Amino acid sequence: MTKEQIEEAAKEYSGLTDNPKDSDSRERGSLCIAFKDGADWCINSVWHDASEQPKRNEIYLVQMGKDGFDTFYDSKNWKVFKRGLNITRWAYIEDLLPNTEE
């Protein structure tokens, strides 16, 4: 999801797309900001710093440097592994998937 998509969803959710200059625009603006902050929190909350070791036998996505990504299943020696691949952060794949529970 891009920042532009979040911005558009926030405007739609808050009603700013209907009439941005109506008497409730201040409240709608606050709601729009809160929506974007919540989306950012949700996206960033699943990521763990490389200083934290993932659980064994779990599939996770790692970020290597600024632009590299790859998935892994297990690493017995996390300290050597993260240093060798320049891992900056990681997230469990399960946490990146949408919640399909009702």
Protein backbone atom coordinates (compact mmCIF):
# COMPACT_ATOMS: atom_id res chain seq x y z
CA MET A 1 0.00 0.00 0.00
CA THR A 2 1.41 3.36 -0.98
CA LYS A 3 1.25 6.62 0.97
CA GLU A 4 -1.07 7.97 -1.72
CA GLN A 5 -3.48 5.05 -1.26
CA ILE A 6 -3.48 5.59 2.51
CA GLU A 7 -4.11 9.32 1.98
CA GLU A 8 -7.04 8.60 -0.34
CA ALA A 9 -8.52 5.99 2.01
CA ALA A 10 -8.17 8.43 4.94
CA LYS A 11 -10.00 11.18 3.03
CA GLU A 12 -12.76 8.78 2.03
CA TYR A 13 -13.09 7.39 5.58
CA SER A 14 -13.22 10.83 7.17
CA GLY A 15 -15.59 12.28 4.59
CA LEU A 16 -13.16 14.91 3.33
CA THR A 17 -13.82 13.84 -0.25
CA ASP A 18 -17.51 14.77 0.08
CA ASN A 19 -17.19 18.44 1.00
CA PRO A 20 -13.78 19.52 2.31
CA LYS A 21 -14.99 23.04 3.23
CA ASP A 22 -18.09 22.25 5.30
CA SER A 23 -18.54 23.22 8.97
CA ASP A 24 -17.20 19.86 10.19
CA SER A 25 -13.94 20.12 8.22
CA ARG A 26 -11.76 20.53 11.36
CA GLU A 27 -13.14 17.30 12.86
CA ARG A 28 -12.87 15.55 9.52
CA GLY A 29 -9.27 16.70 9.21
CA SER A 30 -8.46 15.29 12.65
CA LEU A 31 -10.14 12.01 11.72
CA CYS A 32 -8.13 11.90 8.49
CA ILE A 33 -4.85 12.39 10.39
CA ALA A 34 -5.82 9.74 12.95
CA PHE A 35 -6.64 7.28 10.15
CA LYS A 36 -3.24 7.82 8.49
CA ASP A 37 -1.42 7.51 11.82
CA GLY A 38 -3.25 4.25 12.51
CA ALA A 39 -2.37 2.87 9.09
CA ASP A 40 1.30 3.77 9.57
CA TRP A 41 1.30 2.18 13.02
CA CYS A 42 -0.26 -1.01 11.66
CA ILE A 43 2.28 -1.28 8.85
CA ASN A 44 5.28 -0.60 11.10
CA SER A 45 4.14 -2.61 14.13
CA VAL A 46 4.94 -5.98 12.54
CA TRP A 47 8.62 -5.20 11.97
CA HIS A 48 11.27 -6.23 14.48
CA ASP A 49 14.74 -4.76 14.83
CA ALA A 50 17.57 -7.05 13.78
CA SER A 51 18.81 -7.07 17.38
CA GLU A 52 15.80 -9.27 18.20
CA GLN A 53 16.10 -12.89 17.08
CA PRO A 54 13.09 -14.51 15.34
CA LYS A 55 11.59 -17.69 16.78
CA ARG A 56 12.93 -20.95 15.41
CA ASN A 57 10.91 -22.77 12.73
CA GLU A 58 8.97 -19.67 11.65
CA ILE A 59 8.95 -18.12 8.18
CA TYR A 60 10.03 -14.49 8.18
CA LEU A 61 10.91 -11.73 5.74
CA VAL A 62 14.16 -9.86 6.28
CA GLN A 63 15.26 -6.49 5.01
CA MET A 64 18.92 -6.43 4.05
CA GLY A 65 20.33 -2.93 3.89
CA LYS A 66 17.91 -0.40 2.39
CA ASP A 67 16.42 -2.27 -0.57
CA GLY A 68 17.03 -6.01 -0.28
CA PHE A 69 14.34 -8.43 0.91
CA ASP A 70 14.26 -12.22 1.19
CA THR A 71 12.39 -14.88 3.13
CA PHE A 72 13.95 -17.37 5.51
CA TYR A 73 12.74 -20.23 7.64
CA ASP A 74 15.32 -20.63 10.36
CA SER A 75 18.72 -19.46 11.43
CA LYS A 76 20.64 -21.32 14.09
CA ASN A 77 23.26 -18.63 14.63
CA TRP A 78 21.31 -15.37 14.35
CA LYS A 79 24.18 -13.02 15.27
CA VAL A 80 26.44 -14.30 12.48
CA PHE A 81 23.52 -14.62 10.04
CA LYS A 82 22.26 -11.04 10.51
CA ARG A 83 25.75 -9.57 10.32
CA GLY A 84 26.66 -11.55 7.20
CA LEU A 85 23.51 -10.47 5.35
CA ASN A 86 23.38 -6.92 6.77
CA ILE A 87 19.86 -7.54 8.13
CA THR A 88 18.28 -4.33 9.41
CA ARG A 89 14.82 -5.62 10.34
CA TRP A 90 12.52 -8.60 9.93
CA ALA A 91 8.82 -9.57 10.16
CA TYR A 92 6.98 -12.86 10.44
CA ILE A 93 5.20 -13.63 7.17
CA GLU A 94 2.05 -14.47 9.13
CA ASP A 95 1.98 -10.92 10.54
CA LEU A 96 2.18 -9.41 7.04
CA LEU A 97 -0.87 -11.28 5.75
CA PRO A 98 -4.35 -9.74 6.08
CA ASN A 99 -6.49 -10.88 8.96
CA THR A 100 -9.32 -12.95 7.47
CA GLU A 101 -11.09 -13.61 10.78
CA GLU A 102 -14.52 -12.05 11.17
